[in-house]
Amino acid sequence: MPAYALAHLHNPQVNEDILTYLERIQATLEPFGGRFVVHGPEVDVREGEWPGSVVILEFPDRQQAHAWYDSPAYQEILPLRTRHIDGTAIIFDGVGPGYDPGRTAAALRAQASSG
């Protein structure tokens, strides 16, 4: 099942560190099968607030996502970003093929009626 890393970033200070980070991040992703799915587009907020931008990376699975984030290569460049851009980063599983939200609803109904 694919896994994703999502970063909600705000207050960027684009400078030499950020440019170096951007130039080097791709090489840190490749050994773990990671790829950019979304990288800082303008967002269309429909509910709530969303200050900043979003980055989404995809990995073959959660183990590879964690291995990338914890890798010496990524940890070496991470401070180049975190010193100059505020944000939150999370790693989470995607859904597998054939996912049906109706089955999730049925399971939640069954839990609620038995509890």
PDB file of N, CA and C in Angstrom:
ATOM      1  N   MET A   1       0.855  -1.163   0.000  1.00  0.00           N
ATOM      2  CA  MET A   1       0.000   0.000   0.000  1.00  0.00           C
ATOM      3  C   MET A   1       0.909   1.236   0.000  1.00  0.00           C
ATOM      4  N   PRO A   2       0.613   2.203  -0.854  1.00  0.00           N
ATOM      5  CA  PRO A   2       1.458   3.404  -0.867  1.00  0.00           C
ATOM      6  C   PRO A   2       1.332   4.192   0.428  1.00  0.00           C
ATOM      7  N   ALA A   3       2.371   4.925   0.728  1.00  0.00           N
ATOM      8  CA  ALA A   3       2.376   5.830   1.881  1.00  0.00           C
ATOM      9  C   ALA A   3       2.775   7.201   1.370  1.00  0.00           C
ATOM     10  N   TYR A   4       2.394   8.206   2.131  1.00  0.00           N
ATOM     11  CA  TYR A   4       2.626   9.581   1.717  1.00  0.00           C
ATOM     12  C   TYR A   4       3.265  10.378   2.841  1.00  0.00           C
ATOM     13  N   ALA A   5       4.069  11.332   2.449  1.00  0.00           N
ATOM     14  CA  ALA A   5       4.589  12.335   3.375  1.00  0.00           C
ATOM     15  C   ALA A   5       3.979  13.653   2.926  1.00  0.00           C
ATOM     16  N   LEU A   6       3.374  14.354   3.852  1.00  0.00           N
ATOM     17  CA  LEU A   6       2.732  15.626   3.549  1.00  0.00           C
ATOM     18  C   LEU A   6       3.368  16.700   4.415  1.00  0.00           C
ATOM     19  N   ALA A   7       3.719  17.794   3.791  1.00  0.00           N
ATOM     20  CA  ALA A   7       4.243  18.943   4.528  1.00  0.00           C
ATOM     21  C   ALA A   7       3.356  20.140   4.257  1.00  0.00           C
ATOM     22  N   HIS A   8       2.899  20.775   5.328  1.00  0.00           N
ATOM     23  CA  HIS A   8       2.149  22.030   5.246  1.00  0.00           C
ATOM     24  C   HIS A   8       3.138  23.113   5.652  1.00  0.00           C
ATOM     25  N   LEU A   9       3.558  23.906   4.680  1.00  0.00           N
ATOM     26  CA  LEU A   9       4.636  24.866   4.892  1.00  0.00           C
ATOM     27  C   LEU A   9       4.125  26.290   4.786  1.00  0.00           C
ATOM     28  N   HIS A  10       4.692  27.164   5.625  1.00  0.00           N
ATOM     29  CA  HIS A  10       4.296  28.569   5.566  1.00  0.00           C
ATOM     30  C   HIS A  10       5.456  29.455   6.005  1.00  0.00           C
ATOM     31  N   ASN A  11       5.332  30.721   5.701  1.00  0.00           N
ATOM     32  CA  ASN A  11       6.354  31.733   6.002  1.00  0.00           C
ATOM     33  C   ASN A  11       7.716  31.399   5.400  1.00  0.00           C
ATOM     34  N   PRO A  12       7.747  31.051   4.114  1.00  0.00           N
ATOM     35  CA  PRO A  12       9.044  30.709   3.525  1.00  0.00           C
ATOM     36  C   PRO A  12       9.965  31.916   3.406  1.00  0.00           C
ATOM     37  N   GLN A  13      11.220  31.665   3.591  1.00  0.00           N
ATOM     38  CA  GLN A  13      12.269  32.659   3.366  1.00  0.00           C
ATOM     39  C   GLN A  13      13.205  32.053   2.330  1.00  0.00           C
ATOM     40  N   VAL A  14      12.928  32.316   1.070  1.00  0.00           N
ATOM     41  CA  VAL A  14      13.727  31.722   0.008  1.00  0.00           C
ATOM     42  C   VAL A  14      15.109  32.362   0.018  1.00  0.00           C
ATOM     43  N   ASN A  15      16.113  31.500   0.152  1.00  0.00           N
ATOM     44  CA  ASN A  15      17.499  31.954   0.204  1.00  0.00           C
ATOM     45  C   ASN A  15      18.390  30.815  -0.289  1.00  0.00           C
ATOM     46  N   GLU A  16      19.686  30.963  -0.150  1.00  0.00           N
ATOM     47  CA  GLU A  16      20.624  29.959  -0.656  1.00  0.00           C
ATOM     48  C   GLU A  16      20.406  28.592  -0.019  1.00  0.00           C
ATOM     49  N   ASP A  17      20.104  28.534   1.291  1.00  0.00           N
ATOM     50  CA  ASP A  17      19.836  27.245   1.944  1.00  0.00           C
ATOM     51  C   ASP A  17      18.645  26.536   1.303  1.00  0.00           C
ATOM     52  N   ILE A  18      17.559  27.272   1.060  1.00  0.00           N
ATOM     53  CA  ILE A  18      16.360  26.671   0.464  1.00  0.00           C
ATOM     54  C   ILE A  18      16.658  26.187  -0.946  1.00  0.00           C
ATOM     55  N   LEU A  19      17.376  26.975  -1.707  1.00  0.00           N
ATOM     56  CA  LEU A  19      17.712  26.558  -3.069  1.00  0.00           C
ATOM     57  C   LEU A  19      18.583  25.302  -3.061  1.00  0.00           C
ATOM     58  N   THR A  20      19.521  25.215  -2.134  1.00  0.00           N
ATOM     59  CA  THR A  20      20.362  24.019  -2.005  1.00  0.00           C
ATOM     60  C   THR A  20      19.512  22.819  -1.611  1.00  0.00           C
ATOM     61  N   TYR A  21      18.584  23.002  -0.668  1.00  0.00           N
ATOM     62  CA  TYR A  21      17.668  21.933  -0.254  1.00  0.00           C
ATOM     63  C   TYR A  21      16.902  21.412  -1.468  1.00  0.00           C
ATOM     64  N   LEU A  22      16.342  22.318  -2.253  1.00  0.00           N
ATOM     65  CA  LEU A  22      15.564  21.923  -3.429  1.00  0.00           C
ATOM     66  C   LEU A  22      16.435  21.183  -4.449  1.00  0.00           C
ATOM     67  N   GLU A  23      17.655  21.606  -4.590  1.00  0.00           N
ATOM     68  CA  GLU A  23      18.556  20.957  -5.537  1.00  0.00           C
ATOM     69  C   GLU A  23      18.952  19.557  -5.082  1.00  0.00           C
ATOM     70  N   ARG A  24      18.944  19.302  -3.794  1.00  0.00           N
ATOM     71  CA  ARG A  24      19.451  18.030  -3.257  1.00  0.00           C
ATOM     72  C   ARG A  24      18.372  17.028  -2.853  1.00  0.00           C
ATOM     73  N   ILE A  25      17.135  17.453  -2.679  1.00  0.00           N
ATOM     74  CA  ILE A  25      16.117  16.542  -2.129  1.00  0.00           C
ATOM     75  C   ILE A  25      15.814  15.363  -3.046  1.00  0.00           C
ATOM     76  N   GLN A  26      15.786  15.560  -4.350  1.00  0.00           N
ATOM     77  CA  GLN A  26      15.444  14.461  -5.252  1.00  0.00           C
ATOM     78  C   GLN A  26      16.368  13.259  -5.056  1.00  0.00           C
ATOM     79  N   ALA A  27      17.647  13.512  -4.901  1.00  0.00           N
ATOM     80  CA  ALA A  27      18.609  12.419  -4.713  1.00  0.00           C
ATOM     81  C   ALA A  27      18.346  11.657  -3.414  1.00  0.00           C
ATOM     82  N   THR A  28      17.751  12.307  -2.409  1.00  0.00           N
ATOM     83  CA  THR A  28      17.444  11.606  -1.155  1.00  0.00           C
ATOM     84  C   THR A  28      16.212  10.718  -1.305  1.00  0.00           C
ATOM     85  N   LEU A  29      15.327  11.050  -2.225  1.00  0.00           N
ATOM     86  CA  LEU A  29      14.086  10.289  -2.424  1.00  0.00           C
ATOM     87  C   LEU A  29      14.313   9.005  -3.220  1.00  0.00           C
ATOM     88  N   GLU A  30      15.158   9.080  -4.231  1.00  0.00           N
ATOM     89  CA  GLU A  30      15.295   7.988  -5.197  1.00  0.00           C
ATOM     90  C   GLU A  30      15.617   6.631  -4.577  1.00  0.00           C
ATOM     91  N   PRO A  31      16.525   6.520  -3.592  1.00  0.00           N
ATOM     92  CA  PRO A  31      16.816   5.188  -3.031  1.00  0.00           C
ATOM     93  C   PRO A  31      15.620   4.546  -2.320  1.00  0.00           C
ATOM     94  N   PHE A  32      14.607   5.329  -2.002  1.00  0.00           N
ATOM     95  CA  PHE A  32      13.453   4.823  -1.256  1.00  0.00           C
ATOM     96  C   PHE A  32      12.186   4.773  -2.107  1.00  0.00           C
ATOM     97  N   GLY A  33      12.332   4.968  -3.411  1.00  0.00           N
ATOM     98  CA  GLY A  33      11.179   4.924  -4.315  1.00  0.00           C
ATOM     99  C   GLY A  33      10.246   6.101  -4.141  1.00  0.00           C
ATOM    100  N   GLY A  34      10.747   7.200  -3.568  1.00  0.00           N
ATOM    101  CA  GLY A  34       9.905   8.372  -3.328  1.00  0.00           C
ATOM    102  C   GLY A  34       9.820   9.267  -4.545  1.00  0.00           C
ATOM    103  N   ARG A  35       8.688   9.953  -4.642  1.00  0.00           N
ATOM    104  CA  ARG A  35       8.508  10.903  -5.735  1.00  0.00           C
ATOM    105  C   ARG A  35       7.571  12.021  -5.301  1.00  0.00           C
ATOM    106  N   PHE A  36       7.753  13.179  -5.900  1.00  0.00           N
ATOM    107  CA  PHE A  36       6.848  14.298  -5.646  1.00  0.00           C
ATOM    108  C   PHE A  36       5.524  14.030  -6.347  1.00  0.00           C
ATOM    109  N   VAL A  37       4.427  14.217  -5.620  1.00  0.00           N
ATOM    110  CA  VAL A  37       3.085  14.153  -6.188  1.00  0.00           C
ATOM    111  C   VAL A  37       2.542  15.575  -6.300  1.00  0.00           C
ATOM    112  N   VAL A  38       2.825  16.394  -5.293  1.00  0.00           N
ATOM    113  CA  VAL A  38       2.401  17.793  -5.241  1.00  0.00           C
ATOM    114  C   VAL A  38       3.575  18.586  -4.686  1.00  0.00           C
ATOM    115  N   HIS A  39       3.834  19.764  -5.284  1.00  0.00           N
ATOM    116  CA  HIS A  39       4.930  20.586  -4.785  1.00  0.00           C
ATOM    117  C   HIS A  39       4.563  22.062  -4.853  1.00  0.00           C
ATOM    118  N   GLY A  40       3.926  22.526  -3.785  1.00  0.00           N
ATOM    119  CA  GLY A  40       3.691  23.953  -3.593  1.00  0.00           C
ATOM    120  C   GLY A  40       2.762  24.670  -4.543  1.00  0.00           C
ATOM    121  N   PRO A  41       1.670  24.047  -4.981  1.00  0.00           N
ATOM    122  CA  PRO A  41       0.773  24.772  -5.872  1.00  0.00           C
ATOM    123  C   PRO A  41      -0.042  25.819  -5.109  1.00  0.00           C
ATOM    124  N   GLU A  42      -0.630  26.719  -5.838  1.00  0.00           N
ATOM    125  CA  GLU A  42      -1.609  27.618  -5.229  1.00  0.00           C
ATOM    126  C   GLU A  42      -2.824  26.763  -4.898  1.00  0.00           C
ATOM    127  N   VAL A  43      -3.326  26.876  -3.680  1.00  0.00           N
ATOM    128  CA  VAL A  43      -4.460  26.046  -3.266  1.00  0.00           C
ATOM    129  C   VAL A  43      -5.756  26.844  -3.330  1.00  0.00           C
ATOM    130  N   ASP A  44      -6.835  26.134  -3.547  1.00  0.00           N
ATOM    131  CA  ASP A  44      -8.178  26.703  -3.588  1.00  0.00           C
ATOM    132  C   ASP A  44      -8.882  26.237  -2.315  1.00  0.00           C
ATOM    133  N   VAL A  45      -8.891  27.071  -1.292  1.00  0.00           N
ATOM    134  CA  VAL A  45      -9.450  26.688   0.010  1.00  0.00           C
ATOM    135  C   VAL A  45     -10.973  26.699  -0.077  1.00  0.00           C
ATOM    136  N   ARG A  46     -11.590  25.568   0.207  1.00  0.00           N
ATOM    137  CA  ARG A  46     -13.053  25.432   0.170  1.00  0.00           C
ATOM    138  C   ARG A  46     -13.660  25.383   1.556  1.00  0.00           C
ATOM    139  N   GLU A  47     -12.898  24.935   2.537  1.00  0.00           N
ATOM    140  CA  GLU A  47     -13.385  24.863   3.918  1.00  0.00           C
ATOM    141  C   GLU A  47     -12.229  25.212   4.838  1.00  0.00           C
ATOM    142  N   GLY A  48     -12.498  25.957   5.874  1.00  0.00           N
ATOM    143  CA  GLY A  48     -11.472  26.281   6.856  1.00  0.00           C
ATOM    144  C   GLY A  48     -10.429  27.246   6.312  1.00  0.00           C
ATOM    145  N   GLU A  49      -9.246  27.150   6.905  1.00  0.00           N
ATOM    146  CA  GLU A  49      -8.147  28.025   6.509  1.00  0.00           C
ATOM    147  C   GLU A  49      -6.954  27.172   6.113  1.00  0.00           C
ATOM    148  N   TRP A  50      -6.171  27.650   5.186  1.00  0.00           N
ATOM    149  CA  TRP A  50      -4.976  26.947   4.761  1.00  0.00           C
ATOM    150  C   TRP A  50      -3.908  27.966   4.406  1.00  0.00           C
ATOM    151  N   PRO A  51      -3.278  28.533   5.409  1.00  0.00           N
ATOM    152  CA  PRO A  51      -2.188  29.453   5.097  1.00  0.00           C
ATOM    153  C   PRO A  51      -0.961  28.661   4.658  1.00  0.00           C
ATOM    154  N   GLY A  52      -0.352  29.055   3.592  1.00  0.00           N
ATOM    155  CA  GLY A  52       0.873  28.405   3.163  1.00  0.00           C
ATOM    156  C   GLY A  52       0.690  27.520   1.960  1.00  0.00           C
ATOM    157  N   SER A  53       1.612  26.588   1.808  1.00  0.00           N
ATOM    158  CA  SER A  53       1.598  25.695   0.661  1.00  0.00           C
ATOM    159  C   SER A  53       1.652  24.246   1.133  1.00  0.00           C
ATOM    160  N   VAL A  54       1.520  23.339   0.185  1.00  0.00           N
ATOM    161  CA  VAL A  54       1.500  21.917   0.508  1.00  0.00           C
ATOM    162  C   VAL A  54       2.481  21.177  -0.403  1.00  0.00           C
ATOM    163  N   VAL A  55       3.127  20.174   0.178  1.00  0.00           N
ATOM    164  CA  VAL A  55       3.995  19.262  -0.562  1.00  0.00           C
ATOM    165  C   VAL A  55       3.555  17.850  -0.201  1.00  0.00           C
ATOM    166  N   ILE A  56       3.385  17.001  -1.212  1.00  0.00           N
ATOM    167  CA  ILE A  56       3.039  15.602  -0.967  1.00  0.00           C
ATOM    168  C   ILE A  56       4.034  14.735  -1.726  1.00  0.00           C
ATOM    169  N   LEU A  57       4.627  13.802  -0.997  1.00  0.00           N
ATOM    170  CA  LEU A  57       5.541  12.820  -1.569  1.00  0.00           C
ATOM    171  C   LEU A  57       4.892  11.451  -1.463  1.00  0.00           C
ATOM    172  N   GLU A  58       5.117  10.603  -2.449  1.00  0.00           N
ATOM    173  CA  GLU A  58       4.583   9.245  -2.419  1.00  0.00           C
ATOM    174  C   GLU A  58       5.734   8.252  -2.329  1.00  0.00           C
ATOM    175  N   PHE A  59       5.526   7.194  -1.539  1.00  0.00           N
ATOM    176  CA  PHE A  59       6.497   6.121  -1.371  1.00  0.00           C
ATOM    177  C   PHE A  59       5.784   4.787  -1.568  1.00  0.00           C
ATOM    178  N   PRO A  60       6.527   3.740  -1.872  1.00  0.00           N
ATOM    179  CA  PRO A  60       5.885   2.427  -2.046  1.00  0.00           C
ATOM    180  C   PRO A  60       5.136   1.950  -0.804  1.00  0.00           C
ATOM    181  N   ASP A  61       5.651   2.294   0.384  1.00  0.00           N
ATOM    182  CA  ASP A  61       4.986   1.897   1.625  1.00  0.00           C
ATOM    183  C   ASP A  61       5.506   2.779   2.765  1.00  0.00           C
ATOM    184  N   ARG A  62       4.901   2.626   3.929  1.00  0.00           N
ATOM    185  CA  ARG A  62       5.269   3.452   5.085  1.00  0.00           C
ATOM    186  C   ARG A  62       6.718   3.207   5.524  1.00  0.00           C
ATOM    187  N   GLN A  63       7.164   1.968   5.435  1.00  0.00           N
ATOM    188  CA  GLN A  63       8.546   1.654   5.822  1.00  0.00           C
ATOM    189  C   GLN A  63       9.532   2.461   4.974  1.00  0.00           C
ATOM    190  N   GLN A  64       9.300   2.562   3.686  1.00  0.00           N
ATOM    191  CA  GLN A  64      10.189   3.330   2.816  1.00  0.00           C
ATOM    192  C   GLN A  64      10.097   4.828   3.117  1.00  0.00           C
ATOM    193  N   ALA A  65       8.910   5.318   3.447  1.00  0.00           N
ATOM    194  CA  ALA A  65       8.744   6.738   3.799  1.00  0.00           C
ATOM    195  C   ALA A  65       9.541   7.065   5.056  1.00  0.00           C
ATOM    196  N   HIS A  66       9.438   6.207   6.062  1.00  0.00           N
ATOM    197  CA  HIS A  66      10.195   6.423   7.297  1.00  0.00           C
ATOM    198  C   HIS A  66      11.704   6.302   7.057  1.00  0.00           C
ATOM    199  N   ALA A  67      12.082   5.321   6.249  1.00  0.00           N
ATOM    200  CA  ALA A  67      13.506   5.132   5.959  1.00  0.00           C
ATOM    201  C   ALA A  67      14.075   6.362   5.249  1.00  0.00           C
ATOM    202  N   TRP A  68      13.309   6.950   4.325  1.00  0.00           N
ATOM    203  CA  TRP A  68      13.761   8.179   3.660  1.00  0.00           C
ATOM    204  C   TRP A  68      13.914   9.310   4.673  1.00  0.00           C
ATOM    205  N   TYR A  69      12.864   9.559   5.468  1.00  0.00           N
ATOM    206  CA  TYR A  69      12.901  10.692   6.397  1.00  0.00           C
ATOM    207  C   TYR A  69      14.059  10.552   7.388  1.00  0.00           C
ATOM    208  N   ASP A  70      14.296   9.343   7.855  1.00  0.00           N
ATOM    209  CA  ASP A  70      15.345   9.098   8.848  1.00  0.00           C
ATOM    210  C   ASP A  70      16.735   8.912   8.233  1.00  0.00           C
ATOM    211  N   SER A  71      16.827   8.876   6.918  1.00  0.00           N
ATOM    212  CA  SER A  71      18.104   8.603   6.263  1.00  0.00           C
ATOM    213  C   SER A  71      19.121   9.709   6.535  1.00  0.00           C
ATOM    214  N   PRO A  72      20.384   9.349   6.630  1.00  0.00           N
ATOM    215  CA  PRO A  72      21.425  10.367   6.813  1.00  0.00           C
ATOM    216  C   PRO A  72      21.409  11.430   5.706  1.00  0.00           C
ATOM    217  N   ALA A  73      21.129  11.016   4.478  1.00  0.00           N
ATOM    218  CA  ALA A  73      21.124  11.974   3.368  1.00  0.00           C
ATOM    219  C   ALA A  73      20.044  13.036   3.556  1.00  0.00           C
ATOM    220  N   TYR A  74      18.822  12.612   3.976  1.00  0.00           N
ATOM    221  CA  TYR A  74      17.761  13.611   4.165  1.00  0.00           C
ATOM    222  C   TYR A  74      17.994  14.411   5.441  1.00  0.00           C
ATOM    223  N   GLN A  75      18.400  13.760   6.500  1.00  0.00           N
ATOM    224  CA  GLN A  75      18.643  14.479   7.752  1.00  0.00           C
ATOM    225  C   GLN A  75      19.734  15.537   7.588  1.00  0.00           C
ATOM    226  N   GLU A  76      20.668  15.297   6.681  1.00  0.00           N
ATOM    227  CA  GLU A  76      21.723  16.275   6.430  1.00  0.00           C
ATOM    228  C   GLU A  76      21.171  17.570   5.820  1.00  0.00           C
ATOM    229  N   ILE A  77      20.178  17.449   4.932  1.00  0.00           N
ATOM    230  CA  ILE A  77      19.647  18.661   4.275  1.00  0.00           C
ATOM    231  C   ILE A  77      18.422  19.235   4.968  1.00  0.00           C
ATOM    232  N   LEU A  78      17.762  18.479   5.824  1.00  0.00           N
ATOM    233  CA  LEU A  78      16.536  18.944   6.480  1.00  0.00           C
ATOM    234  C   LEU A  78      16.685  20.295   7.171  1.00  0.00           C
ATOM    235  N   PRO A  79      17.756  20.552   7.914  1.00  0.00           N
ATOM    236  CA  PRO A  79      17.882  21.865   8.559  1.00  0.00           C
ATOM    237  C   PRO A  79      17.936  23.038   7.577  1.00  0.00           C
ATOM    238  N   LEU A  80      18.339  22.776   6.343  1.00  0.00           N
ATOM    239  CA  LEU A  80      18.332  23.842   5.343  1.00  0.00           C
ATOM    240  C   LEU A  80      16.915  24.376   5.135  1.00  0.00           C
ATOM    241  N   ARG A  81      15.923  23.487   5.256  1.00  0.00           N
ATOM    242  CA  ARG A  81      14.518  23.903   5.129  1.00  0.00           C
ATOM    243  C   ARG A  81      13.958  24.393   6.451  1.00  0.00           C
ATOM    244  N   THR A  82      14.161  23.625   7.519  1.00  0.00           N
ATOM    245  CA  THR A  82      13.491  23.952   8.778  1.00  0.00           C
ATOM    246  C   THR A  82      13.981  25.252   9.406  1.00  0.00           C
ATOM    247  N   ARG A  83      15.172  25.694   9.056  1.00  0.00           N
ATOM    248  CA  ARG A  83      15.657  26.980   9.569  1.00  0.00           C
ATOM    249  C   ARG A  83      14.968  28.170   8.901  1.00  0.00           C
ATOM    250  N   HIS A  84      14.340  27.930   7.740  1.00  0.00           N
ATOM    251  CA  HIS A  84      13.833  29.049   6.945  1.00  0.00           C
ATOM    252  C   HIS A  84      12.367  28.937   6.543  1.00  0.00           C
ATOM    253  N   ILE A  85      11.735  27.816   6.818  1.00  0.00           N
ATOM    254  CA  ILE A  85      10.315  27.635   6.489  1.00  0.00           C
ATOM    255  C   ILE A  85       9.643  26.949   7.663  1.00  0.00           C
ATOM    256  N   ASP A  86       8.583  27.556   8.195  1.00  0.00           N
ATOM    257  CA  ASP A  86       7.795  26.939   9.254  1.00  0.00           C
ATOM    258  C   ASP A  86       6.890  25.878   8.629  1.00  0.00           C
ATOM    259  N   GLY A  87       6.546  24.870   9.407  1.00  0.00           N
ATOM    260  CA  GLY A  87       5.622  23.892   8.866  1.00  0.00           C
ATOM    261  C   GLY A  87       5.447  22.670   9.732  1.00  0.00           C
ATOM    262  N   THR A  88       4.607  21.793   9.226  1.00  0.00           N
ATOM    263  CA  THR A  88       4.303  20.519   9.856  1.00  0.00           C
ATOM    264  C   THR A  88       4.478  19.443   8.793  1.00  0.00           C
ATOM    265  N   ALA A  89       5.070  18.316   9.169  1.00  0.00           N
ATOM    266  CA  ALA A  89       5.236  17.195   8.240  1.00  0.00           C
ATOM    267  C   ALA A  89       4.675  15.940   8.886  1.00  0.00           C
ATOM    268  N   ILE A  90       3.950  15.163   8.100  1.00  0.00           N
ATOM    269  CA  ILE A  90       3.363  13.915   8.582  1.00  0.00           C
ATOM    270  C   ILE A  90       3.589  12.819   7.542  1.00  0.00           C
ATOM    271  N   ILE A  91       3.575  11.570   7.997  1.00  0.00           N
ATOM    272  CA  ILE A  91       3.650  10.403   7.131  1.00  0.00           C
ATOM    273  C   ILE A  91       2.423   9.557   7.423  1.00  0.00           C
ATOM    274  N   PHE A  92       1.781   9.063   6.360  1.00  0.00           N
ATOM    275  CA  PHE A  92       0.551   8.294   6.545  1.00  0.00           C
ATOM    276  C   PHE A  92       0.360   7.323   5.395  1.00  0.00           C
ATOM    277  N   ASP A  93      -0.429   6.278   5.644  1.00  0.00           N
ATOM    278  CA  ASP A  93      -0.744   5.292   4.617  1.00  0.00           C
ATOM    279  C   ASP A  93      -1.832   5.813   3.698  1.00  0.00           C
ATOM    280  N   GLY A  94      -1.759   5.381   2.454  1.00  0.00           N
ATOM    281  CA  GLY A  94      -2.850   5.624   1.519  1.00  0.00           C
ATOM    282  C   GLY A  94      -3.859   4.497   1.657  1.00  0.00           C
ATOM    283  N   VAL A  95      -4.755   4.407   0.718  1.00  0.00           N
ATOM    284  CA  VAL A  95      -5.717   3.303   0.709  1.00  0.00           C
ATOM    285  C   VAL A  95      -5.338   2.345  -0.405  1.00  0.00           C
ATOM    286  N   GLY A  96      -5.652   1.096  -0.205  1.00  0.00           N
ATOM    287  CA  GLY A  96      -5.317   0.081  -1.195  1.00  0.00           C
ATOM    288  C   GLY A  96      -6.310   0.050  -2.336  1.00  0.00           C
ATOM    289  N   PRO A  97      -6.018  -0.760  -3.331  1.00  0.00           N
ATOM    290  CA  PRO A  97      -6.934  -0.906  -4.461  1.00  0.00           C
ATOM    291  C   PRO A  97      -8.282  -1.427  -3.975  1.00  0.00           C
ATOM    292  N   GLY A  98      -9.326  -0.941  -4.567  1.00  0.00           N
ATOM    293  CA  GLY A  98     -10.661  -1.405  -4.209  1.00  0.00           C
ATOM    294  C   GLY A  98     -11.214  -0.828  -2.919  1.00  0.00           C
ATOM    295  N   TYR A  99     -10.550   0.197  -2.372  1.00  0.00           N
ATOM    296  CA  TYR A  99     -11.052   0.800  -1.138  1.00  0.00           C
ATOM    297  C   TYR A  99     -12.479   1.286  -1.348  1.00  0.00           C
ATOM    298  N   ASP A 100     -13.347   1.002  -0.382  1.00  0.00           N
ATOM    299  CA  ASP A 100     -14.754   1.410  -0.456  1.00  0.00           C
ATOM    300  C   ASP A 100     -15.133   2.092   0.857  1.00  0.00           C
ATOM    301  N   PRO A 101     -15.395   3.408   0.840  1.00  0.00           N
ATOM    302  CA  PRO A 101     -15.764   4.086   2.079  1.00  0.00           C
ATOM    303  C   PRO A 101     -17.062   3.562   2.682  1.00  0.00           C
ATOM    304  N   GLY A 102     -17.905   2.945   1.876  1.00  0.00           N
ATOM    305  CA  GLY A 102     -19.129   2.345   2.407  1.00  0.00           C
ATOM    306  C   GLY A 102     -18.825   1.224   3.375  1.00  0.00           C
ATOM    307  N   ARG A 103     -17.780   0.439   3.094  1.00  0.00           N
ATOM    308  CA  ARG A 103     -17.388  -0.634   4.023  1.00  0.00           C
ATOM    309  C   ARG A 103     -16.863  -0.045   5.330  1.00  0.00           C
ATOM    310  N   THR A 104     -16.165   1.085   5.239  1.00  0.00           N
ATOM    311  CA  THR A 104     -15.696   1.751   6.453  1.00  0.00           C
ATOM    312  C   THR A 104     -16.895   2.210   7.275  1.00  0.00           C
ATOM    313  N   ALA A 105     -17.883   2.789   6.615  1.00  0.00           N
ATOM    314  CA  ALA A 105     -19.097   3.227   7.317  1.00  0.00           C
ATOM    315  C   ALA A 105     -19.791   2.039   7.982  1.00  0.00           C
ATOM    316  N   ALA A 106     -19.877   0.926   7.271  1.00  0.00           N
ATOM    317  CA  ALA A 106     -20.533  -0.271   7.854  1.00  0.00           C
ATOM    318  C   ALA A 106     -19.791  -0.762   9.076  1.00  0.00           C
ATOM    319  N   ALA A 107     -18.461  -0.780   9.029  1.00  0.00           N
ATOM    320  CA  ALA A 107     -17.675  -1.202  10.177  1.00  0.00           C
ATOM    321  C   ALA A 107     -17.853  -0.257  11.352  1.00  0.00           C
ATOM    322  N   LEU A 108     -17.899   1.039  11.075  1.00  0.00           N
ATOM    323  CA  LEU A 108     -18.120   2.017  12.158  1.00  0.00           C
ATOM    324  C   LEU A 108     -19.515   1.867  12.756  1.00  0.00           C
ATOM    325  N   ARG A 109     -20.524   1.600  11.894  1.00  0.00           N
ATOM    326  CA  ARG A 109     -21.890   1.369  12.410  1.00  0.00           C
ATOM    327  C   ARG A 109     -21.921   0.138  13.321  1.00  0.00           C
ATOM    328  N   ALA A 110     -21.240  -0.911  12.899  1.00  0.00           N
ATOM    329  CA  ALA A 110     -21.204  -2.149  13.694  1.00  0.00           C
ATOM    330  C   ALA A 110     -20.523  -1.910  15.029  1.00  0.00           C
ATOM    331  N   GLN A 111     -19.438  -1.143  15.023  1.00  0.00           N
ATOM    332  CA  GLN A 111     -18.740  -0.811  16.282  1.00  0.00           C
ATOM    333  C   GLN A 111     -19.647  -0.014  17.197  1.00  0.00           C
ATOM    334  N   ALA A 112     -20.320   0.978  16.631  1.00  0.00           N
ATOM    335  CA  ALA A 112     -21.178   1.850  17.446  1.00  0.00           C
ATOM    336  C   ALA A 112     -22.344   1.068  18.054  1.00  0.00           C
ATOM    337  N   SER A 113     -22.905   0.121  17.309  1.00  0.00           N
ATOM    338  CA  SER A 113     -24.057  -0.617  17.831  1.00  0.00           C
ATOM    339  C   SER A 113     -23.650  -1.694  18.844  1.00  0.00           C
ATOM    340  N   SER A 114     -22.392  -2.130  18.797  1.00  0.00           N
ATOM    341  CA  SER A 114     -21.957  -3.139  19.760  1.00  0.00           C
ATOM    342  C   SER A 114     -21.345  -2.533  21.010  1.00  0.00           C
ATOM    343  N   GLY A 115     -21.076  -1.235  20.976  1.00  0.00           N
ATOM    344  CA  GLY A 115     -20.402  -0.606  22.111  1.00  0.00           C
ATOM    345  C   GLY A 115     -21.318   0.088  22.996  1.00  0.00           C
TER     346      GLY A 115
END
